[in-house]
N, C-alpha and C. Protein backbone atom coordinates (compact mmCIF):
# COMPACT_ATOMS: atom_id res chain seq x y z
N MET A 1 -52.24 -53.62 -51.74
CA MET A 1 -50.93 -53.96 -51.20
C MET A 1 -50.86 -53.43 -49.76
N LYS A 2 -50.68 -54.30 -48.81
CA LYS A 2 -50.70 -53.93 -47.40
C LYS A 2 -49.58 -52.96 -47.06
N HIS A 3 -48.39 -53.18 -47.62
CA HIS A 3 -47.24 -52.33 -47.33
C HIS A 3 -47.52 -50.89 -47.77
N PHE A 4 -48.14 -50.73 -48.92
CA PHE A 4 -48.46 -49.40 -49.43
C PHE A 4 -49.47 -48.71 -48.51
N ALA A 5 -50.49 -49.43 -48.08
CA ALA A 5 -51.50 -48.86 -47.19
C ALA A 5 -50.89 -48.43 -45.86
N LYS A 6 -49.97 -49.23 -45.32
CA LYS A 6 -49.31 -48.86 -44.07
C LYS A 6 -48.45 -47.62 -44.26
N SER A 7 -47.74 -47.54 -45.38
CA SER A 7 -46.91 -46.36 -45.65
C SER A 7 -47.76 -45.11 -45.77
N VAL A 8 -48.88 -45.22 -46.45
CA VAL A 8 -49.78 -44.07 -46.59
C VAL A 8 -50.30 -43.65 -45.23
N GLU A 9 -50.66 -44.64 -44.40
CA GLU A 9 -51.14 -44.35 -43.05
C GLU A 9 -50.09 -43.62 -42.23
N GLN A 10 -48.84 -44.06 -42.33
CA GLN A 10 -47.76 -43.44 -41.58
C GLN A 10 -47.46 -42.03 -42.08
N GLN A 11 -47.70 -41.76 -43.35
CA GLN A 11 -47.38 -40.46 -43.92
C GLN A 11 -48.48 -39.43 -43.73
N GLN A 12 -49.59 -39.80 -43.13
CA GLN A 12 -50.70 -38.87 -42.95
C GLN A 12 -50.25 -37.59 -42.25
N SER A 13 -49.29 -37.68 -41.34
CA SER A 13 -48.83 -36.51 -40.62
C SER A 13 -47.56 -35.94 -41.22
N GLY A 14 -47.00 -36.57 -42.25
CA GLY A 14 -45.75 -36.13 -42.84
C GLY A 14 -45.94 -35.04 -43.88
N LEU A 15 -44.86 -34.69 -44.56
CA LEU A 15 -44.88 -33.64 -45.56
C LEU A 15 -45.32 -34.16 -46.93
N PHE A 16 -45.04 -35.43 -47.22
CA PHE A 16 -45.37 -36.01 -48.53
C PHE A 16 -46.36 -37.15 -48.37
N MET A 17 -47.23 -37.32 -49.38
CA MET A 17 -48.20 -38.41 -49.37
C MET A 17 -48.11 -39.15 -50.71
N PRO A 18 -47.74 -40.44 -50.70
CA PRO A 18 -47.70 -41.19 -51.95
C PRO A 18 -49.12 -41.47 -52.45
N ARG A 19 -49.33 -41.31 -53.74
CA ARG A 19 -50.66 -41.52 -54.33
C ARG A 19 -50.54 -42.39 -55.58
N VAL A 20 -51.58 -43.17 -55.83
CA VAL A 20 -51.71 -43.97 -57.06
C VAL A 20 -53.10 -43.71 -57.61
N THR A 21 -53.17 -43.37 -58.89
CA THR A 21 -54.45 -43.08 -59.54
C THR A 21 -54.52 -43.84 -60.85
N LYS A 22 -55.71 -44.33 -61.17
CA LYS A 22 -55.92 -45.05 -62.43
C LYS A 22 -56.15 -44.04 -63.55
N LEU A 23 -55.36 -44.16 -64.61
CA LEU A 23 -55.49 -43.27 -65.76
C LEU A 23 -56.37 -43.87 -66.84
N ASP A 24 -56.15 -45.14 -67.11
CA ASP A 24 -56.80 -45.83 -68.22
C ASP A 24 -56.96 -47.29 -67.81
N LYS A 25 -57.42 -48.12 -68.73
CA LYS A 25 -57.64 -49.52 -68.40
C LYS A 25 -56.38 -50.19 -67.85
N HIS A 26 -55.23 -49.94 -68.48
CA HIS A 26 -53.98 -50.57 -68.05
C HIS A 26 -52.91 -49.53 -67.75
N LYS A 27 -53.29 -48.38 -67.21
CA LYS A 27 -52.31 -47.35 -66.87
C LYS A 27 -52.63 -46.77 -65.50
N PHE A 28 -51.62 -46.76 -64.66
CA PHE A 28 -51.73 -46.17 -63.34
C PHE A 28 -50.61 -45.15 -63.19
N VAL A 29 -50.88 -44.08 -62.49
CA VAL A 29 -49.86 -43.06 -62.27
C VAL A 29 -49.52 -43.01 -60.78
N ALA A 30 -48.22 -42.93 -60.50
CA ALA A 30 -47.72 -42.80 -59.13
C ALA A 30 -47.13 -41.41 -58.98
N TYR A 31 -47.51 -40.72 -57.90
CA TYR A 31 -46.99 -39.37 -57.67
C TYR A 31 -47.06 -39.06 -56.19
N LEU A 32 -46.54 -37.91 -55.80
CA LEU A 32 -46.57 -37.48 -54.41
C LEU A 32 -47.39 -36.21 -54.28
N ASP A 33 -48.17 -36.14 -53.24
CA ASP A 33 -48.82 -34.89 -52.86
C ASP A 33 -47.95 -34.24 -51.79
N THR A 34 -47.98 -32.92 -51.73
CA THR A 34 -47.22 -32.16 -50.76
C THR A 34 -48.18 -31.47 -49.81
N ARG A 35 -47.88 -31.51 -48.52
CA ARG A 35 -48.75 -30.88 -47.52
C ARG A 35 -48.57 -29.37 -47.53
N ILE A 36 -49.70 -28.67 -47.58
CA ILE A 36 -49.74 -27.22 -47.43
C ILE A 36 -50.75 -26.95 -46.32
N ASP A 37 -50.25 -26.61 -45.13
CA ASP A 37 -51.09 -26.47 -43.93
C ASP A 37 -51.88 -27.75 -43.71
N HIS A 38 -53.20 -27.69 -43.73
CA HIS A 38 -54.01 -28.90 -43.52
C HIS A 38 -54.50 -29.49 -44.84
N LEU A 39 -54.09 -28.92 -45.96
CA LEU A 39 -54.51 -29.39 -47.29
C LEU A 39 -53.36 -30.12 -47.98
N TRP A 40 -53.70 -30.85 -49.03
CA TRP A 40 -52.70 -31.54 -49.85
C TRP A 40 -52.72 -30.93 -51.25
N SER A 41 -51.55 -30.76 -51.85
CA SER A 41 -51.44 -30.20 -53.19
C SER A 41 -50.68 -31.17 -54.08
N MET A 42 -51.19 -31.39 -55.29
CA MET A 42 -50.51 -32.24 -56.26
C MET A 42 -49.56 -31.34 -57.04
N ASP A 43 -48.31 -31.32 -56.62
CA ASP A 43 -47.30 -30.44 -57.19
C ASP A 43 -46.52 -31.20 -58.27
N LEU A 44 -47.04 -31.21 -59.47
CA LEU A 44 -46.39 -31.97 -60.55
C LEU A 44 -45.14 -31.28 -61.08
N GLN A 45 -45.00 -29.98 -60.88
CA GLN A 45 -43.81 -29.29 -61.38
C GLN A 45 -42.59 -29.65 -60.55
N GLY A 46 -42.79 -29.86 -59.25
CA GLY A 46 -41.66 -30.12 -58.37
C GLY A 46 -41.37 -31.59 -58.16
N GLN A 47 -42.33 -32.46 -58.40
CA GLN A 47 -42.16 -33.88 -58.10
C GLN A 47 -42.27 -34.73 -59.38
N PRO A 48 -41.47 -35.77 -59.47
CA PRO A 48 -41.58 -36.67 -60.63
C PRO A 48 -42.84 -37.54 -60.56
N VAL A 49 -43.26 -38.02 -61.72
CA VAL A 49 -44.44 -38.87 -61.85
C VAL A 49 -44.02 -40.14 -62.58
N ARG A 50 -44.56 -41.27 -62.17
CA ARG A 50 -44.28 -42.55 -62.84
C ARG A 50 -45.58 -43.12 -63.37
N ILE A 51 -45.56 -43.61 -64.60
CA ILE A 51 -46.73 -44.27 -65.19
C ILE A 51 -46.40 -45.75 -65.32
N CYS A 52 -47.30 -46.60 -64.81
CA CYS A 52 -47.08 -48.04 -64.78
C CYS A 52 -48.28 -48.77 -65.36
N LYS A 53 -48.05 -50.03 -65.77
CA LYS A 53 -49.13 -50.83 -66.35
C LYS A 53 -49.97 -51.54 -65.29
N LYS A 54 -49.42 -51.75 -64.11
CA LYS A 54 -50.13 -52.47 -63.05
C LYS A 54 -50.16 -51.64 -61.78
N ARG A 55 -51.23 -51.80 -61.02
CA ARG A 55 -51.38 -51.04 -59.77
C ARG A 55 -50.26 -51.36 -58.78
N LYS A 56 -49.92 -52.64 -58.67
CA LYS A 56 -48.89 -53.05 -57.72
C LYS A 56 -47.55 -52.37 -58.04
N SER A 57 -47.18 -52.31 -59.31
CA SER A 57 -45.93 -51.65 -59.67
C SER A 57 -46.03 -50.14 -59.47
N ALA A 58 -47.21 -49.57 -59.64
CA ALA A 58 -47.41 -48.14 -59.39
C ALA A 58 -47.28 -47.85 -57.90
N GLU A 59 -47.78 -48.74 -57.05
CA GLU A 59 -47.65 -48.56 -55.61
C GLU A 59 -46.18 -48.61 -55.20
N LYS A 60 -45.42 -49.53 -55.78
CA LYS A 60 -43.99 -49.61 -55.49
C LYS A 60 -43.28 -48.34 -55.97
N ALA A 61 -43.68 -47.84 -57.14
CA ALA A 61 -43.07 -46.62 -57.67
C ALA A 61 -43.39 -45.43 -56.77
N ALA A 62 -44.61 -45.36 -56.24
CA ALA A 62 -45.00 -44.27 -55.35
C ALA A 62 -44.16 -44.31 -54.07
N LEU A 63 -43.92 -45.49 -53.55
CA LEU A 63 -43.09 -45.61 -52.35
C LEU A 63 -41.65 -45.24 -52.64
N ALA A 64 -41.16 -45.58 -53.84
CA ALA A 64 -39.80 -45.19 -54.23
C ALA A 64 -39.71 -43.67 -54.38
N LEU A 65 -40.74 -43.05 -54.94
CA LEU A 65 -40.76 -41.58 -55.05
C LEU A 65 -40.75 -40.94 -53.66
N LEU A 66 -41.49 -41.54 -52.75
CA LEU A 66 -41.54 -41.03 -51.38
C LEU A 66 -40.16 -41.12 -50.72
N ALA A 67 -39.51 -42.26 -50.88
CA ALA A 67 -38.18 -42.44 -50.29
C ALA A 67 -37.19 -41.44 -50.87
N GLU A 68 -37.24 -41.22 -52.16
CA GLU A 68 -36.34 -40.26 -52.81
C GLU A 68 -36.62 -38.83 -52.32
N ALA A 69 -37.88 -38.47 -52.20
CA ALA A 69 -38.24 -37.13 -51.72
C ALA A 69 -37.77 -36.93 -50.29
N MET A 70 -37.90 -37.96 -49.45
CA MET A 70 -37.45 -37.85 -48.07
C MET A 70 -35.92 -37.71 -48.00
N ARG A 71 -35.21 -38.45 -48.85
CA ARG A 71 -33.74 -38.33 -48.89
C ARG A 71 -33.33 -36.93 -49.32
N GLN A 72 -33.99 -36.39 -50.34
CA GLN A 72 -33.67 -35.05 -50.81
C GLN A 72 -33.97 -34.01 -49.74
N ARG A 73 -35.06 -34.20 -49.03
CA ARG A 73 -35.43 -33.25 -47.97
C ARG A 73 -34.42 -33.27 -46.82
N GLN A 74 -33.93 -34.45 -46.46
CA GLN A 74 -32.95 -34.55 -45.39
C GLN A 74 -31.59 -34.00 -45.81
N ALA A 75 -31.29 -34.07 -47.11
CA ALA A 75 -30.00 -33.59 -47.61
C ALA A 75 -29.95 -32.06 -47.68
N GLN A 76 -31.12 -31.41 -47.76
CA GLN A 76 -31.16 -29.95 -47.83
C GLN A 76 -30.83 -29.35 -46.47
N PRO A 77 -29.95 -28.35 -46.45
CA PRO A 77 -29.66 -27.70 -45.16
C PRO A 77 -30.84 -26.85 -44.72
N SER A 78 -31.15 -26.91 -43.44
CA SER A 78 -32.26 -26.12 -42.89
C SER A 78 -31.81 -24.68 -42.71
N ALA A 79 -32.68 -23.77 -43.11
CA ALA A 79 -32.32 -22.36 -42.97
C ALA A 79 -33.06 -21.74 -41.82
């Protein structure tokens, strides 16, 4: 999906990275990685995960998770 690839490219310098991974023959998982310095961490305790039957729907779910995480981050007051 071109839109997903462009979003991932744009997020390379951001705080969150949308990811899609194949779990099984017909199961894909969508989640977000969080930037820690120059590394990425899969923080499953803090971020929701979506399981989908098709890669395309998992990519859409990953982008939705990214949008929600960005909204939550902007809503938090900076200390």
